[in-house]
Amino acid sequence: AVEALWNVFELCPEAVAEVATEESVGVIKQLLDQLLSEGHRAQDKELRNELLVLVTYVANTKEAHPHLAASGLLEVMLTVASALESEVPPPNVKAFVLTSAAEDVEMKRVLVHIASLVATDPACMQTIAQHNNFIPALVLHLDQRLAAHPARSKYTRQQQRQLQVQCLAVLSSVVPHCPDLFRELDGLQVIVECLTEQSEESMRLGCLKLVLVSSKLPGYQDELGGRAVAMMLSLIKERGLHPFPVRQEAMSVLSRLCEENPSNQAVVGDLNGIQTLIDNLDWTVEESTRAEPMCVTTVDAVWNVVAGNPDNEDVFEQAGGLDALLCVLEECTPGMKLLVVSCLAQLMESDTLREAVLEWRSRATRRNVIAVLVTLWEEEEDRAGKERRMHIEVHNTDAQGENEMESEALVRYLTGQNLLTKLHALLTRIGFDYSDHLTAEQHKILIGIERYLETRDAMLWRAVHRELDAEGVRPVTPDARRLIEREGRQADLEDELNDAVYDVAEEQDERDKLDLDDFYSHLHAQEKAKRSTARLFNANAPASTRTKIIVDSHKAQVFPLLLNAEQDDDAPKPASQPSSQ
């Protein structure tokens, strides 16, 4: 029956919900209790492990989590998983389930894994946190000072490594829900020491993920402090010693450690970490093929380490970081541009960086930053238009536009992952007055960007008005007057926008006309210079020679055939050959 259910769950995952009931969980607990107390044979242990695989499927269903806690099944699994590490072995756990045999080690790993699956449920997490031995047992396997503990020395080196990786994964899920207990166990110190001592990639990745989770908790940034920051920088710098996943995870940890933490930001600056960040701001062909490029993590780290810290901002600008970040903006994928633009908008809060960005020119095209951002705006509008046309082709209906959205949906759309909103914020910080090197079309787009916020505000007011009309709600007189005034102001704004665009087009026409006049004036000047040179030459030549030149030129144009005939007559004739007679 257990094997049959396993096959059903694999072939039809939806069937798990039918088993994730209170009654089914109670039956599973009874069978597991029986196997733990009486199943000493090899086939019994195999059946026990297969049953735990079913529990894993059930634990992946959120509806079953309360049943696992209420039935006592989770308590039993936690007790068995930590029995060997307990100072006083639980009386209901038999010795034959605590051996180093492959089946028992596999059972222990599965039990620990199930705890990580149910950690998001409040009832299950309360059971885990209140268990006397489970979380201390996880920390025990990672503490370098307890390497000779019987619960660790009992296993082979490979089995120990597998258990340690599993413990790190579970702690990453559990620690956010019980940070105080982890602090009492001196868990941070244990993990940092483990990260220092371990050189295996899987262990380092597990430690870094746990440190990343811990650094987001209140007070943990300061506890990790400068030592952890220095360790992360060391892992990032040593490219030849550490694989890419380790360096990328270290960059993520560095970013979280410095988020709104001036002391850790100062440590990065003191250790020349700004240059390390700039060295990783390089969009290469290899980066474009990765699912999670290093550049993405580095831009996030720049945002948290540099933005808002005047000393780091100065070092970042002097070391060429702003140039590197803008080059990444030009070359990276569309999905990453949102992050880069957001980071730049935060950096533009600094007057020093703002002045530097205005002097920037693209390495490839020599465009200034305004031209690059206007081009990004055009590309984003084109992409949105293509998506809308694709939606029409696939669904045979038009996608919902901004003008048709409800007010709440429109606010979420505009304030969420919207590149146009981010570009408007960035250009607002830079300024709209630096448009000397833009074309007329780009200038028109820039005028529209400058009024982007006002047009979206009017769009939101119209959405509110539509919703009130649909609900049959008539606003009170002051609100109605305000709606009317806002609509009138929007009409005036649209007129101003049209006038501004018309003025730009008119100015462009005038510039084109002046350029054309300059072109013709230049041509006329060249022709006049040629004629003047010819007259001067003819005036200085002898009269007889000048007359002959004019006559010969006239003859060559009017009587070319006659001249050629005369030339043939004037040519010397060949001597006649003597007769053969």
Protein backbone atom coordinates (compact mmCIF):
# COMPACT_ATOMS: atom_id res chain seq x y z
CA ALA A 1 0.00 0.00 0.00
CA VAL A 2 2.85 2.42 0.86
CA GLU A 3 4.61 1.74 -2.44
CA ALA A 4 1.36 2.10 -4.34
CA LEU A 5 0.68 5.50 -2.74
CA TRP A 6 4.22 6.57 -3.57
CA ASN A 7 3.64 5.74 -7.25
CA VAL A 8 0.32 7.59 -7.21
CA PHE A 9 1.89 10.70 -5.69
CA GLU A 10 4.65 10.70 -8.30
CA LEU A 11 2.27 10.28 -11.24
CA CYS A 12 -0.53 12.47 -9.89
CA PRO A 13 0.69 15.14 -7.42
CA GLU A 14 -2.88 16.43 -7.03
CA ALA A 15 -3.75 13.20 -5.20
CA VAL A 16 -1.65 14.26 -2.19
CA ALA A 17 -4.39 16.65 -1.10
CA GLU A 18 -6.78 13.70 -0.73
CA VAL A 19 -4.42 12.06 1.77
CA ALA A 20 -3.47 15.24 3.64
CA THR A 21 -6.35 14.92 6.08
CA GLU A 22 -6.49 14.58 9.84
CA GLU A 23 -7.57 10.95 9.66
CA SER A 24 -4.84 9.95 7.18
CA VAL A 25 -2.14 11.70 9.18
CA GLY A 26 -3.32 9.86 12.30
CA VAL A 27 -3.01 6.49 10.50
CA ILE A 28 0.49 7.38 9.31
CA LYS A 29 1.50 8.23 12.87
CA GLN A 30 0.25 4.89 14.21
CA LEU A 31 2.16 2.98 11.56
CA LEU A 32 5.33 5.00 12.13
CA ASP A 33 5.15 4.46 15.92
CA GLN A 34 4.87 0.75 15.33
CA LEU A 35 7.83 0.64 12.94
CA LEU A 36 9.99 2.75 15.29
CA SER A 37 9.29 0.51 18.25
CA GLU A 38 9.31 -2.91 16.58
CA GLY A 39 10.89 -2.53 13.14
CA HIS A 40 14.42 -3.75 13.75
CA ARG A 41 14.76 -5.85 10.58
CA ALA A 42 16.21 -4.46 7.35
CA GLN A 43 12.88 -4.79 5.51
CA ASP A 44 11.14 -2.98 8.36
CA LYS A 45 13.58 -0.08 8.07
CA GLU A 46 13.02 0.06 4.31
CA LEU A 47 9.26 0.23 4.87
CA ARG A 48 9.77 2.92 7.54
CA ASN A 49 11.79 5.05 5.14
CA GLU A 50 9.24 4.62 2.36
CA LEU A 51 6.55 5.75 4.79
CA LEU A 52 8.62 8.84 5.59
CA VAL A 53 8.80 9.61 1.86
CA LEU A 54 4.99 9.69 1.88
CA VAL A 55 5.14 12.06 4.86
CA THR A 56 7.44 14.29 2.79
CA TYR A 57 4.80 14.49 0.06
CA VAL A 58 2.15 15.30 2.66
CA ALA A 59 4.38 17.92 4.31
CA ASN A 60 4.63 19.74 0.96
CA THR A 61 0.87 20.38 1.22
CA LYS A 62 0.11 23.40 3.41
CA GLU A 63 -3.31 22.06 4.35
CA ALA A 64 -1.67 19.13 6.15
CA HIS A 65 0.66 21.21 8.35
CA PRO A 66 -1.85 21.78 11.20
CA HIS A 67 -2.66 18.05 11.22
CA LEU A 68 1.02 17.12 11.51
CA ALA A 69 1.35 19.31 14.60
CA ALA A 70 -1.98 18.40 16.18
CA SER A 71 -1.62 14.66 15.74
CA GLY A 72 1.79 14.55 17.44
CA LEU A 73 3.47 13.14 14.32
CA LEU A 74 5.83 16.11 14.05
CA GLU A 75 6.78 15.78 17.73
CA VAL A 76 7.66 12.12 17.21
CA MET A 77 9.80 12.89 14.17
CA LEU A 78 11.69 15.67 15.95
CA THR A 79 12.35 13.43 18.94
CA VAL A 80 13.75 10.60 16.80
CA ALA A 81 15.84 13.01 14.70
CA SER A 82 17.54 14.47 17.78
CA ALA A 83 17.62 11.39 20.06
CA LEU A 84 21.29 10.61 19.49
CA GLU A 85 22.34 14.19 20.33
CA SER A 86 20.27 14.37 23.53
CA GLU A 87 22.05 14.25 26.86
CA VAL A 88 19.30 11.97 28.15
CA PRO A 89 18.15 9.57 25.39
CA PRO A 90 14.34 9.50 25.03
CA PRO A 91 12.94 6.25 26.51
CA ASN A 92 10.55 5.68 23.61
CA VAL A 93 13.32 5.65 20.96
CA LYS A 94 14.94 2.25 20.49
CA ALA A 95 18.65 1.88 19.95
CA PHE A 96 18.24 -0.04 16.68
CA VAL A 97 17.00 3.13 14.90
CA LEU A 98 20.06 5.15 15.95
CA THR A 99 22.78 3.17 14.21
CA SER A 100 25.11 4.40 11.47
CA ALA A 101 23.59 2.02 8.93
CA ALA A 102 22.63 3.56 5.61
CA GLU A 103 18.89 3.11 6.28
CA ASP A 104 19.06 4.88 9.64
CA VAL A 105 21.18 7.75 8.31
CA GLU A 106 18.70 8.18 5.48
CA MET A 107 15.84 8.21 8.00
CA LYS A 108 17.57 10.93 10.03
CA ARG A 109 18.11 13.11 6.94
CA VAL A 110 14.48 12.74 5.86
CA LEU A 111 13.20 13.62 9.33
CA VAL A 112 15.35 16.75 9.39
CA HIS A 113 14.19 17.71 5.90
CA ILE A 114 10.52 17.38 6.86
CA ALA A 115 11.07 19.93 9.63
CA SER A 116 12.21 22.48 7.05
CA LEU A 117 9.10 21.86 4.93
CA VAL A 118 6.67 22.69 7.73
CA ALA A 119 8.59 25.61 9.30
CA THR A 120 6.33 28.18 7.64
CA ASP A 121 3.26 27.00 9.57
CA PRO A 122 2.86 28.76 12.96
CA ALA A 123 1.67 25.64 14.80
CA CYS A 124 4.48 23.48 13.42
CA MET A 125 7.07 26.16 14.07
CA GLN A 126 5.90 26.46 17.65
CA THR A 127 6.38 22.71 18.06
CA ILE A 128 9.88 22.93 16.59
CA ALA A 129 10.91 25.92 18.71
CA GLN A 130 9.59 24.40 21.93
CA HIS A 131 11.31 21.05 21.37
CA ASN A 132 14.13 20.69 23.85
CA ASN A 133 16.69 18.99 21.63
CA PHE A 134 15.98 19.50 17.93
CA ILE A 135 17.53 22.92 17.17
CA PRO A 136 20.44 22.38 19.61
CA ALA A 137 21.09 19.07 17.82
CA LEU A 138 21.32 20.89 14.47
CA VAL A 139 23.82 23.40 15.88
CA LEU A 140 25.83 20.58 17.50
CA HIS A 141 26.62 19.03 14.12
CA LEU A 142 28.08 22.36 12.92
CA ASP A 143 30.08 23.31 16.01
CA GLN A 144 33.78 22.76 15.31
CA ARG A 145 34.45 22.50 19.05
CA LEU A 146 32.23 19.40 19.30
CA ALA A 147 33.78 17.40 16.46
CA ALA A 148 34.53 14.52 18.87
CA HIS A 149 30.98 14.32 20.21
CA PRO A 150 29.62 10.71 20.10
CA ALA A 151 26.67 11.84 17.98
CA ARG A 152 29.14 12.96 15.29
CA SER A 153 32.01 10.50 15.61
CA LYS A 154 29.56 7.63 15.16
CA TYR A 155 29.15 8.47 11.47
CA THR A 156 31.61 8.25 8.62
CA ARG A 157 33.09 11.44 7.18
CA GLN A 158 30.75 11.30 4.19
CA GLN A 159 27.71 10.74 6.43
CA GLN A 160 28.78 13.65 8.65
CA ARG A 161 29.07 15.95 5.63
CA GLN A 162 25.62 14.95 4.37
CA LEU A 163 24.08 15.59 7.79
CA GLN A 164 25.83 18.96 8.10
CA VAL A 165 24.54 20.16 4.73
CA GLN A 166 21.05 19.06 5.75
CA CYS A 167 21.32 20.84 9.10
CA LEU A 168 22.35 24.08 7.39
CA ALA A 169 19.37 23.88 5.04
CA VAL A 170 16.94 23.32 7.91
CA LEU A 171 18.41 26.12 10.02
CA SER A 172 17.98 28.51 7.08
CA SER A 173 14.25 27.76 7.19
CA VAL A 174 13.87 27.68 10.97
CA VAL A 175 16.08 30.52 12.26
CA PRO A 176 13.89 33.39 10.92
CA HIS A 177 11.08 32.10 13.14
CA CYS A 178 13.14 31.66 16.32
CA PRO A 179 16.05 34.14 16.22
CA ASP A 180 16.27 34.47 20.00
CA LEU A 181 16.76 30.73 20.48
CA PHE A 182 19.46 30.69 17.79
CA ARG A 183 21.21 33.60 19.53
CA GLU A 184 21.08 31.78 22.88
CA LEU A 185 22.79 28.78 21.29
CA ASP A 186 25.58 31.08 20.00
CA GLY A 187 24.55 29.98 16.55
CA LEU A 188 26.08 32.90 14.66
CA GLN A 189 29.52 32.27 16.12
CA VAL A 190 29.23 28.59 15.26
CA ILE A 191 28.27 29.32 11.65
CA VAL A 192 31.03 31.91 11.14
CA GLU A 193 33.64 29.49 12.52
CA CYS A 194 32.27 26.72 10.33
CA LEU A 195 32.50 29.01 7.29
CA THR A 196 36.11 29.80 8.17
CA GLU A 197 37.16 26.18 8.60
CA GLN A 198 35.27 24.53 5.76
CA SER A 199 36.60 24.56 2.21
CA GLU A 200 34.03 22.29 0.52
CA GLU A 201 31.68 24.15 -1.81
CA SER A 202 28.43 22.61 -0.51
CA MET A 203 29.30 23.48 3.09
CA ARG A 204 30.33 27.03 2.28
CA LEU A 205 27.18 27.60 0.26
CA GLY A 206 25.07 26.29 3.14
CA CYS A 207 26.85 28.53 5.66
CA LEU A 208 26.53 31.58 3.40
CA LYS A 209 22.81 31.02 2.90
CA LEU A 210 22.32 30.75 6.65
CA VAL A 211 24.34 33.93 7.23
CA LEU A 212 22.26 35.66 4.53
CA VAL A 213 19.04 34.69 6.28
CA SER A 214 20.43 35.71 9.68
CA SER A 215 21.65 39.11 8.46
CA LYS A 216 18.07 40.12 7.68
CA LEU A 217 16.99 39.63 11.31
CA PRO A 218 16.96 42.50 13.82
CA GLY A 219 20.32 43.01 15.52
CA TYR A 220 22.14 40.30 13.58
CA GLN A 221 23.89 42.77 11.24
CA ASP A 222 25.76 44.31 14.15
CA GLU A 223 26.56 40.93 15.69
CA LEU A 224 28.11 39.71 12.45
CA GLY A 225 29.84 43.08 12.05
CA GLY A 226 33.14 43.88 10.39
CA ARG A 227 34.53 40.36 10.68
CA ALA A 228 31.81 38.93 8.47
CA VAL A 229 32.18 41.84 6.03
CA ALA A 230 35.92 41.15 5.73
CA MET A 231 35.25 37.45 5.14
CA MET A 232 32.78 38.21 2.35
CA LEU A 233 35.21 40.56 0.63
CA SER A 234 37.94 37.92 0.84
CA LEU A 235 35.66 35.31 -0.78
CA ILE A 236 34.67 37.72 -3.56
CA LYS A 237 38.23 38.83 -4.38
CA GLU A 238 39.79 35.38 -4.61
CA ARG A 239 38.31 34.32 -7.95
CA GLY A 240 40.82 31.57 -8.53
CA LEU A 241 40.18 29.90 -5.17
CA HIS A 242 36.39 30.01 -4.91
CA PRO A 243 33.79 28.90 -7.48
CA PHE A 244 31.27 31.31 -8.92
CA PRO A 245 28.28 30.25 -6.72
CA VAL A 246 30.29 30.87 -3.54
CA ARG A 247 31.45 34.32 -4.68
CA GLN A 248 27.95 35.30 -5.76
CA GLU A 249 26.44 34.17 -2.46
CA ALA A 250 29.15 36.10 -0.60
CA MET A 251 28.21 39.21 -2.61
CA SER A 252 24.57 38.76 -1.54
CA VAL A 253 25.60 38.46 2.11
CA LEU A 254 27.78 41.58 1.82
CA SER A 255 24.83 43.49 0.40
CA ARG A 256 22.54 42.48 3.25
CA LEU A 257 25.17 43.20 5.91
CA CYS A 258 25.56 46.78 4.65
CA GLU A 259 21.89 47.55 4.09
CA GLU A 260 21.21 50.72 6.12
CA ASN A 261 24.23 49.94 8.32
CA PRO A 262 26.81 52.77 8.21
CA SER A 263 29.39 50.92 10.33
CA ASN A 264 29.53 47.93 7.97
CA GLN A 265 29.54 50.29 4.96
CA ALA A 266 32.57 52.04 6.47
CA VAL A 267 34.37 48.70 6.84
CA VAL A 268 33.88 48.04 3.12
CA GLY A 269 35.37 51.42 2.30
CA ASP A 270 38.33 50.92 4.64
CA LEU A 271 39.15 47.52 3.11
CA ASN A 272 39.11 48.85 -0.47
CA GLY A 273 35.90 46.94 -1.06
CA ILE A 274 34.50 49.62 -3.40
CA GLN A 275 37.08 48.65 -6.01
CA THR A 276 36.08 45.01 -5.56
CA LEU A 277 32.49 45.92 -6.36
CA ILE A 278 33.54 47.89 -9.45
CA ASP A 279 35.64 44.95 -10.69
CA ASN A 280 32.49 42.83 -10.73
CA LEU A 281 30.44 45.45 -12.62
CA ASP A 282 31.29 43.97 -15.99
CA TRP A 283 28.59 42.70 -18.36
CA THR A 284 30.32 39.99 -20.40
CA VAL A 285 29.06 37.33 -22.79
CA GLU A 286 29.38 34.79 -19.98
CA GLU A 287 27.17 36.96 -17.76
CA SER A 288 24.41 37.06 -20.39
CA THR A 289 24.19 33.25 -20.42
CA ARG A 290 23.71 32.85 -16.66
CA ALA A 291 20.30 32.56 -15.05
CA GLU A 292 21.48 34.78 -12.17
CA PRO A 293 24.34 37.00 -13.39
CA MET A 294 26.95 38.28 -10.95
CA CYS A 295 26.19 41.81 -12.19
CA VAL A 296 22.69 41.65 -10.70
CA THR A 297 24.04 40.81 -7.25
CA THR A 298 26.79 43.41 -7.57
CA VAL A 299 24.38 46.22 -8.50
CA ASP A 300 22.31 45.34 -5.43
CA ALA A 301 25.49 45.47 -3.33
CA VAL A 302 26.43 48.87 -4.80
CA TRP A 303 22.96 50.11 -3.90
CA ASN A 304 23.34 49.04 -0.25
CA VAL A 305 27.06 49.81 0.21
CA VAL A 306 27.54 53.06 -1.73
CA ALA A 307 24.19 54.87 -1.91
CA GLY A 308 23.72 57.23 1.02
CA ASN A 309 27.32 56.97 2.27
CA PRO A 310 29.21 60.16 1.23
CA ASP A 311 32.69 58.65 1.68
CA ASN A 312 31.87 55.55 -0.35
CA GLU A 313 30.14 57.68 -3.00
CA ASP A 314 33.30 59.77 -3.48
CA VAL A 315 35.49 56.67 -3.76
CA PHE A 316 32.98 55.07 -6.14
CA GLU A 317 33.02 58.09 -8.46
CA GLN A 318 36.81 58.53 -8.40
CA ALA A 319 37.42 54.83 -9.11
CA GLY A 320 35.20 54.87 -12.21
CA GLY A 321 32.26 53.06 -10.67
CA LEU A 322 29.67 55.39 -12.16
CA ASP A 323 31.06 54.84 -15.66
CA ALA A 324 31.00 51.06 -15.13
CA LEU A 325 27.41 51.16 -13.86
CA LEU A 326 26.21 53.22 -16.83
CA CYS A 327 27.99 50.88 -19.25
CA VAL A 328 26.15 47.96 -17.63
CA LEU A 329 22.90 49.87 -18.15
CA GLU A 330 23.62 50.12 -21.88
CA GLU A 331 24.58 46.47 -22.34
CA CYS A 332 22.49 44.43 -19.88
CA THR A 333 19.22 42.60 -20.52
CA PRO A 334 15.85 44.42 -20.26
CA GLY A 335 14.98 42.61 -17.04
CA MET A 336 18.11 43.93 -15.32
CA LYS A 337 17.70 47.54 -16.46
CA LEU A 338 15.01 48.12 -13.83
CA LEU A 339 17.47 47.31 -11.02
CA VAL A 340 20.25 49.45 -12.52
CA VAL A 341 17.95 52.45 -13.07
CA SER A 342 16.62 52.15 -9.50
CA CYS A 343 20.18 52.05 -8.14
CA LEU A 344 21.17 55.09 -10.22
CA ALA A 345 18.11 57.01 -9.01
CA GLN A 346 19.22 56.42 -5.42
CA LEU A 347 22.81 57.40 -6.22
CA MET A 348 21.65 60.67 -7.81
CA GLU A 349 20.69 61.89 -4.35
CA SER A 350 24.38 62.84 -4.16
CA ASP A 351 25.23 66.18 -5.81
CA THR A 352 28.76 64.95 -6.55
CA LEU A 353 27.54 61.93 -8.47
CA ARG A 354 24.91 64.02 -10.21
CA GLU A 355 27.55 66.38 -11.59
CA ALA A 356 29.68 63.42 -12.66
CA VAL A 357 26.85 61.70 -14.50
CA LEU A 358 26.16 64.84 -16.53
CA GLU A 359 29.75 64.74 -17.83
CA TRP A 360 29.55 61.06 -18.76
CA ARG A 361 29.72 59.92 -22.39
CA SER A 362 29.09 56.43 -23.70
CA ARG A 363 32.20 54.49 -24.71
CA ALA A 364 30.48 53.03 -27.77
CA THR A 365 28.24 55.84 -29.05
CA ARG A 366 29.52 58.96 -27.22
CA ARG A 367 25.94 59.77 -26.19
CA ASN A 368 25.28 61.58 -22.93
CA VAL A 369 23.20 60.09 -20.13
CA ILE A 370 20.01 61.95 -21.15
CA ALA A 371 20.15 60.48 -24.66
CA VAL A 372 20.75 56.99 -23.25
CA LEU A 373 17.78 57.24 -20.87
CA VAL A 374 15.47 58.62 -23.57
CA THR A 375 16.48 55.69 -25.79
CA LEU A 376 15.65 53.30 -22.95
CA TRP A 377 12.24 54.96 -22.65
CA GLU A 378 11.60 54.41 -26.38
CA GLU A 379 12.69 50.78 -26.13
CA GLU A 380 10.43 50.15 -23.15
CA GLU A 381 7.43 51.67 -24.92
CA ASP A 382 8.19 49.53 -27.99
CA ARG A 383 8.44 46.42 -25.81
CA ALA A 384 5.10 47.19 -24.14
CA GLY A 385 3.53 47.70 -27.57
CA LYS A 386 4.86 44.34 -28.79
CA GLU A 387 3.52 42.60 -25.68
CA ARG A 388 0.11 44.15 -26.27
CA ARG A 389 0.07 43.04 -29.91
CA MET A 390 1.15 39.56 -28.87
CA HIS A 391 -1.69 39.46 -26.32
CA ILE A 392 -4.15 40.34 -29.07
CA GLU A 393 -2.79 37.58 -31.33
CA VAL A 394 -2.90 34.94 -28.59
CA HIS A 395 -6.14 35.85 -26.76
CA ASN A 396 -7.97 37.66 -29.56
CA THR A 397 -8.69 40.51 -27.14
CA ASP A 398 -6.82 43.68 -26.33
CA ALA A 399 -4.83 43.79 -23.10
CA GLN A 400 -6.02 46.13 -20.39
CA GLY A 401 -4.32 49.50 -20.78
CA GLU A 402 -3.49 52.06 -18.13
CA ASN A 403 -6.54 54.14 -19.03
CA GLU A 404 -8.81 51.15 -18.36
CA MET A 405 -7.34 49.98 -15.03
CA GLU A 406 -9.06 50.42 -11.70
CA SER A 407 -7.44 52.85 -9.31
CA GLU A 408 -5.93 50.20 -7.02
CA ALA A 409 -4.53 48.17 -9.91
CA LEU A 410 -3.16 51.32 -11.53
CA VAL A 411 -1.31 52.31 -8.35
CA ARG A 412 0.22 48.84 -8.08
CA TYR A 413 1.21 48.94 -11.75
CA LEU A 414 2.84 52.37 -11.57
CA THR A 415 4.62 51.91 -8.23
CA GLY A 416 5.71 48.32 -8.78
CA GLN A 417 8.13 46.92 -11.34
CA ASN A 418 7.57 49.75 -13.82
CA LEU A 419 10.66 50.87 -15.72
CA LEU A 420 9.00 54.05 -17.02
CA THR A 421 8.31 55.23 -13.47
CA LYS A 422 11.93 54.52 -12.49
CA LEU A 423 13.25 56.36 -15.56
CA HIS A 424 11.09 59.37 -14.72
CA ALA A 425 12.44 59.40 -11.16
CA LEU A 426 16.03 59.19 -12.41
CA LEU A 427 15.58 61.95 -14.99
CA THR A 428 13.87 64.12 -12.39
CA ARG A 429 16.98 63.85 -10.22
CA ILE A 430 19.34 64.55 -13.13
CA GLY A 431 17.24 67.37 -14.61
CA PHE A 432 15.42 67.92 -17.88
CA ASP A 433 17.44 70.99 -18.93
CA TYR A 434 20.41 69.13 -20.41
CA SER A 435 18.98 68.22 -23.82
CA ASP A 436 21.37 70.01 -26.17
CA HIS A 437 22.52 66.90 -28.02
CA LEU A 438 19.08 65.35 -28.54
CA THR A 439 17.26 65.03 -31.83
CA ALA A 440 13.89 66.67 -32.29
CA GLU A 441 12.10 63.35 -31.77
CA GLN A 442 14.05 62.63 -28.60
CA HIS A 443 13.31 66.14 -27.36
CA LYS A 444 9.59 65.53 -27.85
CA ILE A 445 9.86 62.28 -25.87
CA LEU A 446 11.74 64.10 -23.09
CA ILE A 447 8.92 66.65 -22.83
CA GLY A 448 6.44 63.78 -22.39
CA ILE A 449 8.67 62.17 -19.73
CA GLU A 450 8.82 65.44 -17.81
CA ARG A 451 5.01 65.47 -17.58
CA TYR A 452 4.72 61.72 -16.93
CA LEU A 453 3.80 62.05 -13.25
CA GLU A 454 1.11 64.64 -13.88
CA THR A 455 -0.52 62.62 -16.66
CA ARG A 456 -0.58 59.48 -14.48
CA ASP A 457 -2.05 61.47 -11.61
CA ALA A 458 -4.85 62.62 -13.89
CA MET A 459 -5.30 59.04 -15.06
CA LEU A 460 -5.75 57.94 -11.44
CA TRP A 461 -8.36 60.65 -10.83
CA ARG A 462 -10.30 59.51 -13.89
CA ALA A 463 -10.19 55.90 -12.64
CA VAL A 464 -11.61 57.01 -9.27
CA HIS A 465 -14.33 58.97 -11.03
CA ARG A 466 -15.27 55.95 -13.16
CA GLU A 467 -15.47 53.70 -10.11
CA LEU A 468 -17.71 56.16 -8.28
CA ASP A 469 -20.02 56.40 -11.28
CA ALA A 470 -20.14 52.61 -11.60
CA GLU A 471 -21.12 52.27 -7.93
CA GLY A 472 -23.72 55.00 -8.23
CA VAL A 473 -21.92 57.20 -5.71
CA ARG A 474 -22.31 60.92 -6.24
CA PRO A 475 -19.48 62.92 -4.64
CA VAL A 476 -20.32 65.79 -2.34
CA THR A 477 -20.03 69.26 -3.81
CA PRO A 478 -16.41 69.98 -2.73
CA ASP A 479 -15.20 66.62 -4.05
CA ALA A 480 -17.16 67.00 -7.27
CA ARG A 481 -15.70 70.48 -7.76
CA ARG A 482 -12.23 69.11 -7.15
CA LEU A 483 -12.75 66.37 -9.75
CA ILE A 484 -13.93 68.91 -12.30
CA GLU A 485 -10.99 71.20 -11.57
CA ARG A 486 -8.55 68.29 -11.91
CA GLU A 487 -10.03 67.30 -15.27
CA GLY A 488 -9.80 70.90 -16.45
CA ARG A 489 -6.20 71.14 -15.29
CA GLN A 490 -5.42 67.96 -17.20
CA ALA A 491 -6.93 69.42 -20.36
CA ASP A 492 -4.73 72.50 -19.93
CA LEU A 493 -1.73 70.23 -19.36
CA GLU A 494 -2.42 68.33 -22.57
CA ASP A 495 -2.68 71.63 -24.46
CA GLU A 496 0.64 72.75 -22.99
CA LEU A 497 2.21 69.45 -23.95
CA ASN A 498 0.93 69.73 -27.52
CA ASP A 499 2.15 73.32 -27.73
CA ALA A 500 5.58 72.34 -26.42
CA VAL A 501 5.86 69.51 -28.94
CA TYR A 502 4.73 71.88 -31.72
CA ASP A 503 7.35 74.43 -30.65
CA VAL A 504 10.06 71.80 -30.75
CA ALA A 505 8.98 70.76 -34.25
CA GLU A 506 8.91 74.40 -35.36
CA GLU A 507 12.36 75.04 -33.94
CA GLN A 508 13.63 71.95 -35.73
CA ASP A 509 12.15 73.20 -39.02
CA GLU A 510 13.88 76.55 -38.53
CA ARG A 511 17.19 74.82 -37.77
CA ASP A 512 16.79 72.67 -40.88
CA LYS A 513 16.08 75.78 -42.97
CA LEU A 514 19.15 77.55 -41.56
CA ASP A 515 21.28 74.49 -42.21
CA LEU A 516 20.00 74.35 -45.80
CA ASP A 517 20.71 78.07 -46.31
CA ASP A 518 24.21 77.61 -44.93
CA PHE A 519 24.73 74.70 -47.29
CA TYR A 520 23.69 76.68 -50.37
CA SER A 521 25.70 79.69 -49.25
CA HIS A 522 28.73 77.48 -48.97
CA LEU A 523 28.17 76.11 -52.48
CA HIS A 524 27.72 79.63 -53.90
CA ALA A 525 30.91 80.76 -52.20
CA GLN A 526 32.82 77.83 -53.70
CA GLU A 527 31.52 78.61 -57.22
CA LYS A 528 32.34 82.29 -56.83
CA ALA A 529 35.85 81.42 -55.71
CA LYS A 530 36.33 79.16 -58.76
CA ARG A 531 35.16 81.89 -61.16
CA SER A 532 37.38 84.45 -59.49
CA THR A 533 40.39 82.15 -59.80
CA ALA A 534 39.68 81.56 -63.52
CA ARG A 535 39.38 85.27 -64.22
CA LEU A 536 42.61 85.99 -62.39
CA PHE A 537 44.43 83.30 -64.39
CA ASN A 538 43.15 84.56 -67.72
CA ALA A 539 43.99 88.13 -66.86
CA ASN A 540 47.60 87.25 -66.12
CA ALA A 541 48.14 85.09 -69.27
CA PRO A 542 49.59 86.69 -72.56
CA ALA A 543 46.95 88.05 -74.98
CA SER A 544 47.87 85.79 -77.90
CA THR A 545 47.94 82.72 -75.72
CA ARG A 546 44.68 83.68 -74.05
CA THR A 547 42.97 84.21 -77.43
CA LYS A 548 44.24 80.87 -78.75
CA ILE A 549 43.01 79.05 -75.65
CA ILE A 550 39.54 80.58 -75.98
CA VAL A 551 39.33 79.83 -79.75
CA ASP A 552 40.57 76.26 -79.36
CA SER A 553 38.14 75.66 -76.51
CA HIS A 554 35.25 77.01 -78.58
CA LYS A 555 36.22 74.89 -81.58
CA ALA A 556 36.52 71.78 -79.44
CA GLN A 557 32.99 72.26 -78.16
CA VAL A 558 31.33 73.22 -81.50
CA PHE A 559 33.39 71.44 -84.20
CA PRO A 560 34.99 68.40 -82.56
CA LEU A 561 34.86 66.25 -85.73
CA LEU A 562 36.44 68.96 -87.92
CA LEU A 563 39.24 69.50 -85.47
CA ASN A 564 39.95 65.78 -85.41
CA ALA A 565 40.04 65.73 -89.23
CA GLU A 566 42.46 68.68 -89.35
CA GLN A 567 44.64 66.95 -86.80
CA ASP A 568 44.66 63.86 -89.03
CA ASP A 569 45.67 65.94 -92.07
CA ASP A 570 48.45 67.69 -90.20
CA ALA A 571 49.87 64.39 -89.02
CA PRO A 572 52.94 63.20 -91.03
CA LYS A 573 52.15 60.47 -93.56
CA PRO A 574 54.15 57.26 -93.54
CA ALA A 575 56.79 56.81 -96.29
CA SER A 576 55.58 54.82 -99.32
CA GLN A 577 56.96 51.34 -99.79
CA PRO A 578 59.03 50.67 -102.92
CA SER A 579 57.36 48.66 -105.68
CA SER A 580 58.13 44.99 -105.89
CA GLN A 581 58.79 45.36 -109.56
